[in-house]
């Protein structure tokens, strides 16, 4: 079993970041001292679970985590700065700070550097998350030592529940639209007025008509989905928002 470092100080390490065309050094003391920081560490940039679930949900819940007192949300991986920067840009996760632990110095100090030669990765971080206050680990969520790449406890929702058990995570909203559609504009405006973020997928840019029919069972736009459930067009979205306000 991995040893939890709850109640202990984070390891002293120096991270080498790439900002523009310059190398920048950041120490763990500079990152953590006097601040409340959530760290989630994972096996590798661009890998399936990390890209499809771990990073996107922390990015989505960043406002709720900050409302619960978090100053910064850090994604860490034993990858170099170039890879981490490219992954950050590909993910569009500008609410998360991507920190490369290229040599594994910090991860080794956490006792979570593991050999993943079975995947051709070499030495990588075990998946975990932690809450750090002024350089001291308050809480750790370490994935169980099971075969493969378990992802059960280091997720953003678990961290948010720890910080604020009463917090209600925002829904995941997707809007299927097309350029020049006035009803799409109306639906998006209603969502924005309600303070709900959404991901927009645009017909003929992000998907085709056949996909719209397959997803929504309709060829009209907009089509709004919330937490995987189809709400419908602009009128249905406004009605759903009205019910949500009354709930």
C-alpha atoms as a PDB file:
ATOM      1  CA  UNK A   1       0.000   0.000   0.000  1.00  0.00           C
ATOM      2  CA  UNK A   2       1.147   3.539  -0.707  1.00  0.00           C
ATOM      3  CA  UNK A   3       1.790   5.650   2.386  1.00  0.00           C
ATOM      4  CA  UNK A   4      -0.352   8.736   2.847  1.00  0.00           C
ATOM      5  CA  UNK A   5       1.539  11.948   3.592  1.00  0.00           C
ATOM      6  CA  UNK A   6      -1.356  13.633   5.346  1.00  0.00           C
ATOM      7  CA  UNK A   7      -0.017  15.993   8.008  1.00  0.00           C
ATOM      8  CA  UNK A   8       3.419  16.182   6.378  1.00  0.00           C
ATOM      9  CA  UNK A   9       5.059  18.860   4.251  1.00  0.00           C
ATOM     10  CA  UNK A  10       5.254  18.394   0.516  1.00  0.00           C
ATOM     11  CA  UNK A  11       8.708  17.477  -0.859  1.00  0.00           C
ATOM     12  CA  UNK A  12      11.185  20.186  -1.803  1.00  0.00           C
ATOM     13  CA  UNK A  13      11.518  20.151  -5.582  1.00  0.00           C
ATOM     14  CA  UNK A  14      12.211  22.456  -8.505  1.00  0.00           C
ATOM     15  CA  UNK A  15       9.953  22.359 -11.533  1.00  0.00           C
ATOM     16  CA  UNK A  16      11.221  23.523 -14.912  1.00  0.00           C
ATOM     17  CA  UNK A  17       8.511  25.234 -16.911  1.00  0.00           C
ATOM     18  CA  UNK A  18       8.501  26.554 -20.432  1.00  0.00           C
ATOM     19  CA  UNK A  19       6.868  29.969 -20.849  1.00  0.00           C
ATOM     20  CA  UNK A  20       7.088  31.309 -24.364  1.00  0.00           C
ATOM     21  CA  UNK A  21      10.675  30.795 -25.484  1.00  0.00           C
ATOM     22  CA  UNK A  22      12.091  30.906 -21.960  1.00  0.00           C
ATOM     23  CA  UNK A  23      12.817  28.343 -19.269  1.00  0.00           C
ATOM     24  CA  UNK A  24      11.367  29.271 -15.871  1.00  0.00           C
ATOM     25  CA  UNK A  25      12.062  27.564 -12.567  1.00  0.00           C
ATOM     26  CA  UNK A  26       9.371  27.150  -9.921  1.00  0.00           C
ATOM     27  CA  UNK A  27      10.072  25.650  -6.510  1.00  0.00           C
ATOM     28  CA  UNK A  28       7.542  23.680  -4.525  1.00  0.00           C
ATOM     29  CA  UNK A  29       7.844  26.311  -1.800  1.00  0.00           C
ATOM     30  CA  UNK A  30       6.825  29.031  -4.260  1.00  0.00           C
ATOM     31  CA  UNK A  31       3.917  26.917  -5.454  1.00  0.00           C
ATOM     32  CA  UNK A  32       2.505  25.977  -2.052  1.00  0.00           C
ATOM     33  CA  UNK A  33       3.637  28.450   0.633  1.00  0.00           C
ATOM     34  CA  UNK A  34       0.806  30.485   2.120  1.00  0.00           C
ATOM     35  CA  UNK A  35      -1.735  29.075  -0.319  1.00  0.00           C
ATOM     36  CA  UNK A  36      -4.420  26.401  -0.595  1.00  0.00           C
ATOM     37  CA  UNK A  37      -3.662  24.186  -3.579  1.00  0.00           C
ATOM     38  CA  UNK A  38      -5.363  21.140  -5.037  1.00  0.00           C
ATOM     39  CA  UNK A  39      -3.018  18.798  -6.896  1.00  0.00           C
ATOM     40  CA  UNK A  40      -4.063  15.900  -9.051  1.00  0.00           C
ATOM     41  CA  UNK A  41      -1.297  13.763 -10.464  1.00  0.00           C
ATOM     42  CA  UNK A  42      -1.640  11.216 -13.224  1.00  0.00           C
ATOM     43  CA  UNK A  43       0.347   8.720 -15.313  1.00  0.00           C
ATOM     44  CA  UNK A  44       0.757  10.715 -18.497  1.00  0.00           C
ATOM     45  CA  UNK A  45      -0.310  13.549 -20.744  1.00  0.00           C
ATOM     46  CA  UNK A  46      -2.632  12.691 -23.649  1.00  0.00           C
ATOM     47  CA  UNK A  47      -3.521   9.301 -22.133  1.00  0.00           C
ATOM     48  CA  UNK A  48      -7.192   8.235 -22.337  1.00  0.00           C
ATOM     49  CA  UNK A  49      -8.544   8.560 -18.781  1.00  0.00           C
ATOM     50  CA  UNK A  50      -6.434  11.632 -18.082  1.00  0.00           C
ATOM     51  CA  UNK A  51      -7.686  13.432 -21.199  1.00  0.00           C
ATOM     52  CA  UNK A  52     -11.313  12.312 -21.217  1.00  0.00           C
ATOM     53  CA  UNK A  53     -12.143  12.514 -17.503  1.00  0.00           C
ATOM     54  CA  UNK A  54      -9.489  13.638 -15.039  1.00  0.00           C
ATOM     55  CA  UNK A  55      -8.451  16.997 -16.531  1.00  0.00           C
ATOM     56  CA  UNK A  56     -11.831  18.031 -18.029  1.00  0.00           C
ATOM     57  CA  UNK A  57     -13.748  17.590 -14.782  1.00  0.00           C
ATOM     58  CA  UNK A  58     -11.205  19.529 -12.706  1.00  0.00           C
ATOM     59  CA  UNK A  59     -11.401  22.290 -15.305  1.00  0.00           C
ATOM     60  CA  UNK A  60     -15.200  22.245 -15.161  1.00  0.00           C
ATOM     61  CA  UNK A  61     -15.360  22.265 -11.345  1.00  0.00           C
ATOM     62  CA  UNK A  62     -12.622  24.887 -10.931  1.00  0.00           C
ATOM     63  CA  UNK A  63     -15.086  27.696 -10.041  1.00  0.00           C
ATOM     64  CA  UNK A  64     -16.743  25.511  -7.386  1.00  0.00           C
ATOM     65  CA  UNK A  65     -13.360  24.472  -5.967  1.00  0.00           C
ATOM     66  CA  UNK A  66     -12.235  28.093  -5.825  1.00  0.00           C
ATOM     67  CA  UNK A  67     -15.494  29.054  -4.124  1.00  0.00           C
ATOM     68  CA  UNK A  68     -14.587  26.430  -1.500  1.00  0.00           C
ATOM     69  CA  UNK A  69     -11.306  28.237  -0.783  1.00  0.00           C
ATOM     70  CA  UNK A  70      -8.834  26.778  -3.290  1.00  0.00           C
ATOM     71  CA  UNK A  71      -6.268  29.229  -4.701  1.00  0.00           C
ATOM     72  CA  UNK A  72      -4.880  27.043  -7.476  1.00  0.00           C
ATOM     73  CA  UNK A  73      -5.586  23.720  -9.158  1.00  0.00           C
ATOM     74  CA  UNK A  74      -2.500  21.866 -10.367  1.00  0.00           C
ATOM     75  CA  UNK A  75      -2.276  18.980 -12.799  1.00  0.00           C
ATOM     76  CA  UNK A  76       1.067  17.218 -12.389  1.00  0.00           C
ATOM     77  CA  UNK A  77       2.658  14.483 -14.447  1.00  0.00           C
ATOM     78  CA  UNK A  78       6.103  13.005 -14.995  1.00  0.00           C
ATOM     79  CA  UNK A  79       6.331  14.580 -18.435  1.00  0.00           C
ATOM     80  CA  UNK A  80       8.448  17.401 -19.816  1.00  0.00           C
ATOM     81  CA  UNK A  81       7.344  21.023 -20.102  1.00  0.00           C
ATOM     82  CA  UNK A  82       6.811  20.879 -23.875  1.00  0.00           C
ATOM     83  CA  UNK A  83       4.435  17.929 -23.588  1.00  0.00           C
ATOM     84  CA  UNK A  84       2.517  19.453 -20.682  1.00  0.00           C
ATOM     85  CA  UNK A  85       2.108  22.787 -22.488  1.00  0.00           C
ATOM     86  CA  UNK A  86       0.880  21.079 -25.654  1.00  0.00           C
ATOM     87  CA  UNK A  87      -1.571  18.993 -23.630  1.00  0.00           C
ATOM     88  CA  UNK A  88      -2.873  22.058 -21.768  1.00  0.00           C
ATOM     89  CA  UNK A  89      -3.526  23.800 -25.092  1.00  0.00           C
ATOM     90  CA  UNK A  90      -5.191  20.726 -26.587  1.00  0.00           C
ATOM     91  CA  UNK A  91      -7.455  20.399 -23.540  1.00  0.00           C
ATOM     92  CA  UNK A  92      -8.292  24.102 -23.411  1.00  0.00           C
ATOM     93  CA  UNK A  93      -8.005  23.798 -19.628  1.00  0.00           C
ATOM     94  CA  UNK A  94      -6.966  27.332 -18.769  1.00  0.00           C
ATOM     95  CA  UNK A  95      -8.362  27.063 -15.225  1.00  0.00           C
ATOM     96  CA  UNK A  96      -5.793  24.395 -14.362  1.00  0.00           C
ATOM     97  CA  UNK A  97      -2.040  24.913 -13.952  1.00  0.00           C
ATOM     98  CA  UNK A  98      -0.052  22.180 -15.698  1.00  0.00           C
ATOM     99  CA  UNK A  99       3.191  21.398 -13.874  1.00  0.00           C
ATOM    100  CA  UNK A 100       5.819  19.076 -15.420  1.00  0.00           C
ATOM    101  CA  UNK A 101       7.659  16.896 -12.933  1.00  0.00           C
ATOM    102  CA  UNK A 102      10.018  15.822 -15.687  1.00  0.00           C
ATOM    103  CA  UNK A 103      12.570  13.957 -13.601  1.00  0.00           C
ATOM    104  CA  UNK A 104      10.007  12.695 -11.100  1.00  0.00           C
ATOM    105  CA  UNK A 105      11.693  14.578  -8.258  1.00  0.00           C
ATOM    106  CA  UNK A 106       8.478  15.695  -6.565  1.00  0.00           C
ATOM    107  CA  UNK A 107       6.617  12.453  -7.255  1.00  0.00           C
ATOM    108  CA  UNK A 108       9.481  10.415  -5.849  1.00  0.00           C
ATOM    109  CA  UNK A 109       9.376  12.523  -2.698  1.00  0.00           C
ATOM    110  CA  UNK A 110       5.653  11.792  -2.413  1.00  0.00           C
ATOM    111  CA  UNK A 111       6.445   8.066  -2.546  1.00  0.00           C
ATOM    112  CA  UNK A 112       4.268   7.672  -5.630  1.00  0.00           C
ATOM    113  CA  UNK A 113       6.791   7.209  -8.435  1.00  0.00           C
ATOM    114  CA  UNK A 114       6.114   3.809 -10.000  1.00  0.00           C
ATOM    115  CA  UNK A 115       7.609   1.751 -12.803  1.00  0.00           C
ATOM    116  CA  UNK A 116       5.292   1.512 -15.801  1.00  0.00           C
ATOM    117  CA  UNK A 117       7.618  -0.385 -18.111  1.00  0.00           C
ATOM    118  CA  UNK A 118       4.656  -2.677 -18.786  1.00  0.00           C
ATOM    119  CA  UNK A 119       3.229   0.181 -20.873  1.00  0.00           C
ATOM    120  CA  UNK A 120       6.554   1.445 -22.195  1.00  0.00           C
ATOM    121  CA  UNK A 121       6.215   4.553 -20.008  1.00  0.00           C
ATOM    122  CA  UNK A 122       9.154   4.062 -17.659  1.00  0.00           C
ATOM    123  CA  UNK A 123       8.869   5.768 -14.264  1.00  0.00           C
ATOM    124  CA  UNK A 124       5.585   7.639 -13.845  1.00  0.00           C
ATOM    125  CA  UNK A 125       3.291   8.958 -11.143  1.00  0.00           C
ATOM    126  CA  UNK A 126       0.616   6.806  -9.584  1.00  0.00           C
ATOM    127  CA  UNK A 127      -2.750   8.508  -9.898  1.00  0.00           C
ATOM    128  CA  UNK A 128      -3.725  10.560  -6.833  1.00  0.00           C
ATOM    129  CA  UNK A 129      -5.044  13.909  -5.675  1.00  0.00           C
ATOM    130  CA  UNK A 130      -4.349  15.972  -2.586  1.00  0.00           C
ATOM    131  CA  UNK A 131      -5.286  19.168  -0.786  1.00  0.00           C
ATOM    132  CA  UNK A 132      -2.300  21.181   0.400  1.00  0.00           C
ATOM    133  CA  UNK A 133      -2.562  24.127   2.794  1.00  0.00           C
ATOM    134  CA  UNK A 134       0.548  26.273   3.233  1.00  0.00           C
ATOM    135  CA  UNK A 135       2.801  23.425   2.114  1.00  0.00           C
ATOM    136  CA  UNK A 136       1.247  20.783   4.397  1.00  0.00           C
ATOM    137  CA  UNK A 137      -0.799  17.913   2.994  1.00  0.00           C
ATOM    138  CA  UNK A 138      -4.232  17.991   4.576  1.00  0.00           C
ATOM    139  CA  UNK A 139      -5.934  15.251   2.575  1.00  0.00           C
ATOM    140  CA  UNK A 140      -4.874  12.653   0.014  1.00  0.00           C
ATOM    141  CA  UNK A 141      -6.939  10.484  -2.291  1.00  0.00           C
ATOM    142  CA  UNK A 142      -4.661   7.740  -3.618  1.00  0.00           C
ATOM    143  CA  UNK A 143      -5.994   5.292  -6.160  1.00  0.00           C
ATOM    144  CA  UNK A 144      -5.986   1.658  -4.984  1.00  0.00           C
ATOM    145  CA  UNK A 145      -3.066  -0.533  -6.008  1.00  0.00           C
ATOM    146  CA  UNK A 146      -4.883  -2.567  -8.594  1.00  0.00           C
ATOM    147  CA  UNK A 147      -3.869  -3.731 -12.065  1.00  0.00           C
ATOM    148  CA  UNK A 148      -4.246  -1.204 -14.841  1.00  0.00           C
ATOM    149  CA  UNK A 149      -5.025   2.438 -14.158  1.00  0.00           C
ATOM    150  CA  UNK A 150      -7.715   2.697 -11.454  1.00  0.00           C
ATOM    151  CA  UNK A 151      -9.657   5.960 -11.344  1.00  0.00           C
ATOM    152  CA  UNK A 152     -12.006   5.838  -8.367  1.00  0.00           C
ATOM    153  CA  UNK A 153     -11.094   8.458  -5.752  1.00  0.00           C
ATOM    154  CA  UNK A 154      -8.800  11.123  -7.215  1.00  0.00           C
ATOM    155  CA  UNK A 155     -11.525  12.789  -9.297  1.00  0.00           C
ATOM    156  CA  UNK A 156     -12.659  16.397  -8.970  1.00  0.00           C
ATOM    157  CA  UNK A 157     -16.082  15.528  -7.544  1.00  0.00           C
ATOM    158  CA  UNK A 158     -14.529  13.627  -4.638  1.00  0.00           C
ATOM    159  CA  UNK A 159     -12.263  16.575  -3.862  1.00  0.00           C
ATOM    160  CA  UNK A 160     -15.169  19.020  -4.005  1.00  0.00           C
ATOM    161  CA  UNK A 161     -17.250  16.845  -1.665  1.00  0.00           C
ATOM    162  CA  UNK A 162     -14.366  16.816   0.799  1.00  0.00           C
ATOM    163  CA  UNK A 163     -14.004  20.604   0.678  1.00  0.00           C
ATOM    164  CA  UNK A 164     -17.730  21.337   0.760  1.00  0.00           C
ATOM    165  CA  UNK A 165     -20.125  18.432   1.335  1.00  0.00           C
ATOM    166  CA  UNK A 166     -23.065  20.733   0.548  1.00  0.00           C
ATOM    167  CA  UNK A 167     -21.715  21.903  -2.816  1.00  0.00           C
ATOM    168  CA  UNK A 168     -23.870  21.113  -5.843  1.00  0.00           C
ATOM    169  CA  UNK A 169     -21.679  20.478  -8.916  1.00  0.00           C
ATOM    170  CA  UNK A 170     -22.760  22.369 -12.027  1.00  0.00           C
ATOM    171  CA  UNK A 171     -24.450  20.306 -14.726  1.00  0.00           C
ATOM    172  CA  UNK A 172     -22.644  19.341 -17.914  1.00  0.00           C
ATOM    173  CA  UNK A 173     -24.361  21.181 -20.763  1.00  0.00           C
ATOM    174  CA  UNK A 174     -23.830  20.688 -24.501  1.00  0.00           C
ATOM    175  CA  UNK A 175     -25.480  22.789 -27.198  1.00  0.00           C
ATOM    176  CA  UNK A 176     -25.675  21.514 -30.771  1.00  0.00           C
ATOM    177  CA  UNK A 177     -26.072  24.548 -33.010  1.00  0.00           C
ATOM    178  CA  UNK A 178     -25.401  26.012 -36.440  1.00  0.00           C
ATOM    179  CA  UNK A 179     -24.172  29.459 -37.529  1.00  0.00           C
ATOM    180  CA  UNK A 180     -26.859  32.090 -38.047  1.00  0.00           C
ATOM    181  CA  UNK A 181     -29.537  30.211 -36.108  1.00  0.00           C
ATOM    182  CA  UNK A 182     -31.612  32.717 -34.046  1.00  0.00           C
ATOM    183  CA  UNK A 183     -33.079  29.979 -31.858  1.00  0.00           C
ATOM    184  CA  UNK A 184     -29.549  28.792 -31.053  1.00  0.00           C
ATOM    185  CA  UNK A 185     -28.681  32.332 -29.983  1.00  0.00           C
ATOM    186  CA  UNK A 186     -31.782  32.393 -27.773  1.00  0.00           C
ATOM    187  CA  UNK A 187     -30.963  29.075 -26.103  1.00  0.00           C
ATOM    188  CA  UNK A 188     -27.346  30.058 -25.448  1.00  0.00           C
ATOM    189  CA  UNK A 189     -28.403  33.432 -24.060  1.00  0.00           C
ATOM    190  CA  UNK A 190     -30.839  31.741 -21.672  1.00  0.00           C
ATOM    191  CA  UNK A 191     -28.141  29.387 -20.431  1.00  0.00           C
ATOM    192  CA  UNK A 192     -25.679  32.240 -19.991  1.00  0.00           C
ATOM    193  CA  UNK A 193     -28.245  34.328 -18.104  1.00  0.00           C
ATOM    194  CA  UNK A 194     -28.792  31.374 -15.763  1.00  0.00           C
ATOM    195  CA  UNK A 195     -25.040  31.238 -15.144  1.00  0.00           C
ATOM    196  CA  UNK A 196     -24.615  27.845 -16.784  1.00  0.00           C
ATOM    197  CA  UNK A 197     -21.535  27.119 -18.836  1.00  0.00           C
ATOM    198  CA  UNK A 198     -21.932  24.998 -21.915  1.00  0.00           C
ATOM    199  CA  UNK A 199     -19.899  23.390 -24.660  1.00  0.00           C
ATOM    200  CA  UNK A 200     -21.080  24.310 -28.123  1.00  0.00           C
ATOM    201  CA  UNK A 201     -20.794  21.927 -31.057  1.00  0.00           C
ATOM    202  CA  UNK A 202     -21.429  23.574 -34.422  1.00  0.00           C
ATOM    203  CA  UNK A 203     -23.098  21.763 -37.321  1.00  0.00           C
ATOM    204  CA  UNK A 204     -20.752  21.140 -40.294  1.00  0.00           C
ATOM    205  CA  UNK A 205     -17.747  22.192 -38.231  1.00  0.00           C
ATOM    206  CA  UNK A 206     -17.778  19.819 -35.259  1.00  0.00           C
ATOM    207  CA  UNK A 207     -20.352  17.305 -36.489  1.00  0.00           C
ATOM    208  CA  UNK A 208     -22.572  16.471 -39.473  1.00  0.00           C
ATOM    209  CA  UNK A 209     -26.337  16.231 -39.994  1.00  0.00           C
ATOM    210  CA  UNK A 210     -26.248  12.450 -39.616  1.00  0.00           C
ATOM    211  CA  UNK A 211     -24.683  12.844 -36.184  1.00  0.00           C
ATOM    212  CA  UNK A 212     -27.370  15.349 -35.188  1.00  0.00           C
ATOM    213  CA  UNK A 213     -30.074  12.853 -36.127  1.00  0.00           C
ATOM    214  CA  UNK A 214     -28.288  10.076 -34.260  1.00  0.00           C
ATOM    215  CA  UNK A 215     -27.746  12.173 -31.111  1.00  0.00           C
ATOM    216  CA  UNK A 216     -31.046  14.009 -30.926  1.00  0.00           C
ATOM    217  CA  UNK A 217     -33.454  12.081 -33.120  1.00  0.00           C
ATOM    218  CA  UNK A 218     -34.174  15.400 -34.816  1.00  0.00           C
ATOM    219  CA  UNK A 219     -32.636  17.417 -37.628  1.00  0.00           C
ATOM    220  CA  UNK A 220     -33.394  20.797 -36.062  1.00  0.00           C
ATOM    221  CA  UNK A 221     -31.129  22.976 -33.939  1.00  0.00           C
ATOM    222  CA  UNK A 222     -30.488  23.918 -31.267  1.00  0.00           C
ATOM    223  CA  UNK A 223     -30.436  20.660 -29.391  1.00  0.00           C
ATOM    224  CA  UNK A 224     -29.477  21.061 -25.734  1.00  0.00           C
ATOM    225  CA  UNK A 225     -28.272  18.179 -23.577  1.00  0.00           C
ATOM    226  CA  UNK A 226     -27.792  18.335 -19.793  1.00  0.00           C
ATOM    227  CA  UNK A 227     -25.863  15.584 -18.029  1.00  0.00           C
ATOM    228  CA  UNK A 228     -26.427  13.360 -21.040  1.00  0.00           C
ATOM    229  CA  UNK A 229     -30.197  13.953 -21.150  1.00  0.00           C
ATOM    230  CA  UNK A 230     -31.744  15.684 -24.175  1.00  0.00           C
ATOM    231  CA  UNK A 231     -33.647  18.827 -23.172  1.00  0.00           C
ATOM    232  CA  UNK A 232     -34.575  19.943 -26.697  1.00  0.00           C
ATOM    233  CA  UNK A 233     -34.661  23.298 -28.474  1.00  0.00           C
ATOM    234  CA  UNK A 234     -34.759  26.889 -27.263  1.00  0.00           C
ATOM    235  CA  UNK A 235     -38.328  26.767 -25.914  1.00  0.00           C
ATOM    236  CA  UNK A 236     -37.695  23.511 -24.058  1.00  0.00           C
ATOM    237  CA  UNK A 237     -34.443  24.897 -22.668  1.00  0.00           C
ATOM    238  CA  UNK A 238     -36.152  27.996 -21.322  1.00  0.00           C
ATOM    239  CA  UNK A 239     -38.870  25.840 -19.756  1.00  0.00           C
ATOM    240  CA  UNK A 240     -36.228  23.576 -18.180  1.00  0.00           C
ATOM    241  CA  UNK A 241     -34.422  26.606 -16.762  1.00  0.00           C
ATOM    242  CA  UNK A 242     -37.695  27.927 -15.307  1.00  0.00           C
ATOM    243  CA  UNK A 243     -38.318  24.609 -13.561  1.00  0.00           C
ATOM    244  CA  UNK A 244     -34.732  24.583 -12.310  1.00  0.00           C
ATOM    245  CA  UNK A 245     -35.143  28.037 -10.761  1.00  0.00           C
ATOM    246  CA  UNK A 246     -38.247  26.895  -8.885  1.00  0.00           C
ATOM    247  CA  UNK A 247     -36.676  23.684  -7.608  1.00  0.00           C
END
